[in-house]
């Protein structure tokens, strides 16, 4: 594997510093590490996924949306309201 040199590294560093990373663009592994669901939330998501035949992509989008709602609410944890709406 060839070394990309200092210009490539500098370009990546500048891009990383200036680009805002949104929940829609964050890597899946980072999303799952920072968006822990409670056991109840996991069970509900699994139930809905099997009931409505949702793909993994749809499930990930739901978690991204719940993470965004929690961020807008100013909470670190994904609340039940952020996960499936207020009842």
N, C-alpha and C. Protein backbone atom coordinates (compact mmCIF):
# COMPACT_ATOMS: atom_id res chain seq x y z
N UNK A 1 0.84 -1.18 0.00
CA UNK A 1 0.00 0.00 0.00
C UNK A 1 0.88 1.23 0.00
N UNK A 2 0.64 2.13 -0.91
CA UNK A 2 1.46 3.32 -1.04
C UNK A 2 1.07 4.35 0.01
N UNK A 3 2.07 5.11 0.45
CA UNK A 3 1.83 6.18 1.42
C UNK A 3 1.20 7.35 0.69
N UNK A 4 0.21 7.96 1.26
CA UNK A 4 -0.49 9.05 0.59
C UNK A 4 0.24 10.37 0.71
N UNK A 5 1.26 10.44 1.55
CA UNK A 5 2.05 11.67 1.68
C UNK A 5 1.38 12.69 2.57
N UNK A 6 2.15 13.73 2.85
CA UNK A 6 1.66 14.73 3.80
C UNK A 6 0.53 15.55 3.24
N UNK A 7 0.48 15.76 1.92
CA UNK A 7 -0.60 16.56 1.34
C UNK A 7 -1.96 15.89 1.53
N UNK A 8 -2.01 14.58 1.33
CA UNK A 8 -3.27 13.85 1.54
C UNK A 8 -3.70 13.87 2.99
N UNK A 9 -2.74 13.71 3.89
CA UNK A 9 -3.05 13.74 5.32
C UNK A 9 -3.53 15.12 5.72
N UNK A 10 -2.85 16.17 5.24
CA UNK A 10 -3.25 17.53 5.57
C UNK A 10 -4.65 17.83 5.04
N UNK A 11 -4.94 17.37 3.82
CA UNK A 11 -6.26 17.60 3.23
C UNK A 11 -7.35 16.93 4.07
N UNK A 12 -7.09 15.69 4.51
CA UNK A 12 -8.06 14.98 5.36
C UNK A 12 -8.24 15.68 6.69
N UNK A 13 -7.13 16.18 7.26
CA UNK A 13 -7.20 16.86 8.55
C UNK A 13 -8.02 18.13 8.45
N UNK A 14 -7.77 18.93 7.42
CA UNK A 14 -8.53 20.16 7.23
C UNK A 14 -10.00 19.85 7.02
N UNK A 15 -10.29 18.84 6.21
CA UNK A 15 -11.68 18.45 5.95
C UNK A 15 -12.35 18.03 7.26
N UNK A 16 -11.64 17.28 8.09
CA UNK A 16 -12.20 16.81 9.35
C UNK A 16 -12.46 17.97 10.30
N UNK A 17 -11.58 18.96 10.32
CA UNK A 17 -11.73 20.09 11.22
C UNK A 17 -12.91 20.96 10.82
N UNK A 18 -13.09 21.20 9.52
CA UNK A 18 -14.07 22.17 9.07
C UNK A 18 -15.43 21.59 8.73
N UNK A 19 -15.52 20.31 8.46
CA UNK A 19 -16.82 19.73 8.13
C UNK A 19 -17.58 19.38 9.39
N UNK A 20 -18.83 19.71 9.39
CA UNK A 20 -19.70 19.34 10.50
C UNK A 20 -20.21 17.92 10.24
N UNK A 21 -20.10 17.09 11.24
CA UNK A 21 -20.58 15.72 11.11
C UNK A 21 -21.98 15.67 11.72
N UNK A 22 -22.95 15.36 10.88
CA UNK A 22 -24.33 15.27 11.35
C UNK A 22 -24.69 13.81 11.59
N UNK A 23 -25.79 13.59 12.25
CA UNK A 23 -26.22 12.22 12.52
C UNK A 23 -26.49 11.45 11.23
N UNK A 24 -26.84 12.14 10.18
CA UNK A 24 -27.08 11.49 8.90
C UNK A 24 -25.81 11.03 8.20
N UNK A 25 -24.67 11.58 8.60
CA UNK A 25 -23.40 11.25 7.94
C UNK A 25 -22.41 10.53 8.83
N UNK A 26 -22.72 10.41 10.10
CA UNK A 26 -21.79 9.75 11.02
C UNK A 26 -21.72 8.26 10.67
N UNK A 27 -20.53 7.65 10.76
CA UNK A 27 -20.43 6.21 10.47
C UNK A 27 -21.31 5.38 11.41
N UNK A 28 -21.79 4.27 10.91
CA UNK A 28 -22.73 3.43 11.65
C UNK A 28 -22.14 2.98 12.99
N UNK A 29 -20.86 2.58 13.01
CA UNK A 29 -20.26 2.11 14.27
C UNK A 29 -20.23 3.21 15.31
N UNK A 30 -19.98 4.45 14.90
CA UNK A 30 -20.00 5.58 15.83
C UNK A 30 -21.42 5.85 16.29
N UNK A 31 -22.37 5.78 15.37
CA UNK A 31 -23.77 5.99 15.71
C UNK A 31 -24.22 5.00 16.78
N UNK A 32 -23.93 3.72 16.58
CA UNK A 32 -24.35 2.71 17.54
C UNK A 32 -23.63 2.85 18.88
N UNK A 33 -22.39 3.29 18.85
CA UNK A 33 -21.63 3.47 20.09
C UNK A 33 -22.15 4.65 20.92
N UNK A 34 -22.67 5.67 20.25
CA UNK A 34 -23.13 6.86 20.96
C UNK A 34 -24.65 6.90 21.14
N UNK A 35 -25.35 5.96 20.58
CA UNK A 35 -26.82 5.96 20.64
C UNK A 35 -27.32 4.65 21.23
N UNK A 36 -26.96 4.41 22.45
CA UNK A 36 -27.38 3.18 23.11
C UNK A 36 -28.88 3.20 23.37
N UNK A 37 -29.54 2.15 22.96
CA UNK A 37 -30.97 2.01 23.23
C UNK A 37 -31.14 1.18 24.49
N UNK A 38 -32.21 1.47 25.22
CA UNK A 38 -32.53 0.64 26.37
C UNK A 38 -33.02 -0.71 25.89
N UNK A 39 -33.08 -1.65 26.78
CA UNK A 39 -33.56 -2.99 26.41
C UNK A 39 -34.98 -2.90 25.86
N UNK A 40 -35.82 -2.10 26.47
CA UNK A 40 -37.20 -1.92 26.02
C UNK A 40 -37.24 -1.33 24.61
N UNK A 41 -36.40 -0.32 24.36
CA UNK A 41 -36.35 0.29 23.03
C UNK A 41 -35.87 -0.71 21.98
N UNK A 42 -34.89 -1.54 22.34
CA UNK A 42 -34.41 -2.57 21.43
C UNK A 42 -35.51 -3.57 21.10
N UNK A 43 -36.27 -3.96 22.13
CA UNK A 43 -37.36 -4.91 21.92
C UNK A 43 -38.44 -4.32 21.00
N UNK A 44 -38.78 -3.05 21.23
CA UNK A 44 -39.79 -2.40 20.38
C UNK A 44 -39.32 -2.31 18.93
N UNK A 45 -38.06 -1.94 18.74
CA UNK A 45 -37.52 -1.83 17.39
C UNK A 45 -37.49 -3.19 16.70
N UNK A 46 -37.12 -4.23 17.43
CA UNK A 46 -37.13 -5.57 16.87
C UNK A 46 -38.55 -6.02 16.52
N UNK A 47 -39.50 -5.71 17.41
CA UNK A 47 -40.90 -6.07 17.16
C UNK A 47 -41.42 -5.38 15.90
N UNK A 48 -41.21 -4.06 15.81
CA UNK A 48 -41.67 -3.32 14.64
C UNK A 48 -40.98 -3.80 13.38
N UNK A 49 -39.69 -4.11 13.50
CA UNK A 49 -38.93 -4.56 12.33
C UNK A 49 -39.47 -5.87 11.78
N UNK A 50 -39.82 -6.77 12.68
CA UNK A 50 -40.35 -8.05 12.20
C UNK A 50 -41.80 -7.90 11.74
N UNK A 51 -42.58 -7.07 12.41
CA UNK A 51 -43.97 -6.86 12.03
C UNK A 51 -44.09 -6.21 10.65
N UNK A 52 -43.28 -5.19 10.42
CA UNK A 52 -43.38 -4.43 9.17
C UNK A 52 -42.29 -4.80 8.16
N UNK A 53 -41.51 -5.83 8.46
CA UNK A 53 -40.47 -6.33 7.56
C UNK A 53 -39.48 -5.22 7.17
N UNK A 54 -38.97 -4.52 8.20
CA UNK A 54 -38.02 -3.44 7.97
C UNK A 54 -36.63 -4.01 7.76
N UNK A 55 -35.88 -3.39 6.87
CA UNK A 55 -34.49 -3.78 6.63
C UNK A 55 -33.59 -3.15 7.70
N UNK A 56 -32.34 -3.58 7.72
CA UNK A 56 -31.37 -2.98 8.64
C UNK A 56 -31.18 -1.50 8.35
N UNK A 57 -31.28 -1.14 7.08
CA UNK A 57 -31.13 0.25 6.69
C UNK A 57 -32.23 1.11 7.32
N UNK A 58 -33.45 0.63 7.29
CA UNK A 58 -34.57 1.36 7.89
C UNK A 58 -34.36 1.49 9.40
N UNK A 59 -33.94 0.41 10.04
CA UNK A 59 -33.70 0.45 11.48
C UNK A 59 -32.62 1.46 11.83
N UNK A 60 -31.57 1.52 11.02
CA UNK A 60 -30.50 2.48 11.26
C UNK A 60 -31.01 3.90 11.09
N UNK A 61 -31.85 4.13 10.09
CA UNK A 61 -32.41 5.47 9.89
C UNK A 61 -33.29 5.88 11.07
N UNK A 62 -34.01 4.94 11.66
CA UNK A 62 -34.83 5.25 12.82
C UNK A 62 -33.95 5.64 14.00
N UNK A 63 -32.84 4.92 14.18
CA UNK A 63 -31.92 5.25 15.27
C UNK A 63 -31.28 6.61 15.02
N UNK A 64 -30.92 6.92 13.77
CA UNK A 64 -30.37 8.23 13.44
C UNK A 64 -31.37 9.34 13.77
N UNK A 65 -32.62 9.13 13.42
CA UNK A 65 -33.66 10.11 13.70
C UNK A 65 -33.86 10.28 15.21
N UNK A 66 -33.89 9.18 15.93
CA UNK A 66 -34.04 9.25 17.39
C UNK A 66 -32.86 9.98 18.02
N UNK A 67 -31.65 9.75 17.50
CA UNK A 67 -30.45 10.44 18.00
C UNK A 67 -30.57 11.94 17.75
N UNK A 68 -31.07 12.32 16.57
CA UNK A 68 -31.24 13.74 16.25
C UNK A 68 -32.26 14.38 17.17
N UNK A 69 -33.38 13.70 17.41
CA UNK A 69 -34.41 14.24 18.32
C UNK A 69 -33.84 14.41 19.72
N UNK A 70 -33.06 13.43 20.19
CA UNK A 70 -32.44 13.54 21.51
C UNK A 70 -31.45 14.71 21.55
N UNK A 71 -30.68 14.89 20.49
CA UNK A 71 -29.74 16.02 20.42
C UNK A 71 -30.47 17.35 20.48
N UNK A 72 -31.56 17.47 19.73
CA UNK A 72 -32.33 18.71 19.73
C UNK A 72 -32.97 18.97 21.09
N UNK A 73 -33.32 17.90 21.81
CA UNK A 73 -33.89 18.04 23.15
C UNK A 73 -32.81 18.32 24.19
N UNK A 74 -31.54 18.18 23.78
CA UNK A 74 -30.44 18.45 24.70
C UNK A 74 -30.12 17.31 25.64
N UNK A 75 -30.49 16.10 25.29
CA UNK A 75 -30.21 14.95 26.14
C UNK A 75 -29.21 14.03 25.47
N UNK A 76 -28.40 13.37 26.28
CA UNK A 76 -27.42 12.42 25.74
C UNK A 76 -28.10 11.10 25.40
N UNK A 77 -28.99 10.67 26.29
CA UNK A 77 -29.67 9.39 26.09
C UNK A 77 -30.86 9.56 25.16
N UNK A 78 -31.13 8.51 24.40
CA UNK A 78 -32.32 8.50 23.56
C UNK A 78 -33.50 8.14 24.45
N UNK A 79 -34.42 9.07 24.56
CA UNK A 79 -35.59 8.83 25.40
C UNK A 79 -36.64 8.06 24.62
N UNK A 80 -37.62 7.55 25.31
CA UNK A 80 -38.69 6.82 24.62
C UNK A 80 -39.44 7.76 23.67
N UNK A 81 -39.59 9.03 24.05
CA UNK A 81 -40.27 9.99 23.17
C UNK A 81 -39.49 10.19 21.88
N UNK A 82 -38.16 10.20 21.97
CA UNK A 82 -37.33 10.38 20.77
C UNK A 82 -37.36 9.13 19.91
N UNK A 83 -37.61 7.99 20.54
CA UNK A 83 -37.55 6.72 19.80
C UNK A 83 -38.85 6.42 19.07
N UNK A 84 -39.98 6.66 19.72
CA UNK A 84 -41.24 6.31 19.04
C UNK A 84 -42.32 7.37 19.17
N UNK A 85 -41.97 8.56 19.59
CA UNK A 85 -42.93 9.64 19.65
C UNK A 85 -43.73 9.63 20.93
N UNK A 86 -44.33 10.75 21.21
CA UNK A 86 -45.12 10.86 22.44
C UNK A 86 -46.45 10.17 22.28
N UNK A 87 -46.89 9.57 23.33
CA UNK A 87 -48.16 8.83 23.33
C UNK A 87 -49.21 9.62 24.06
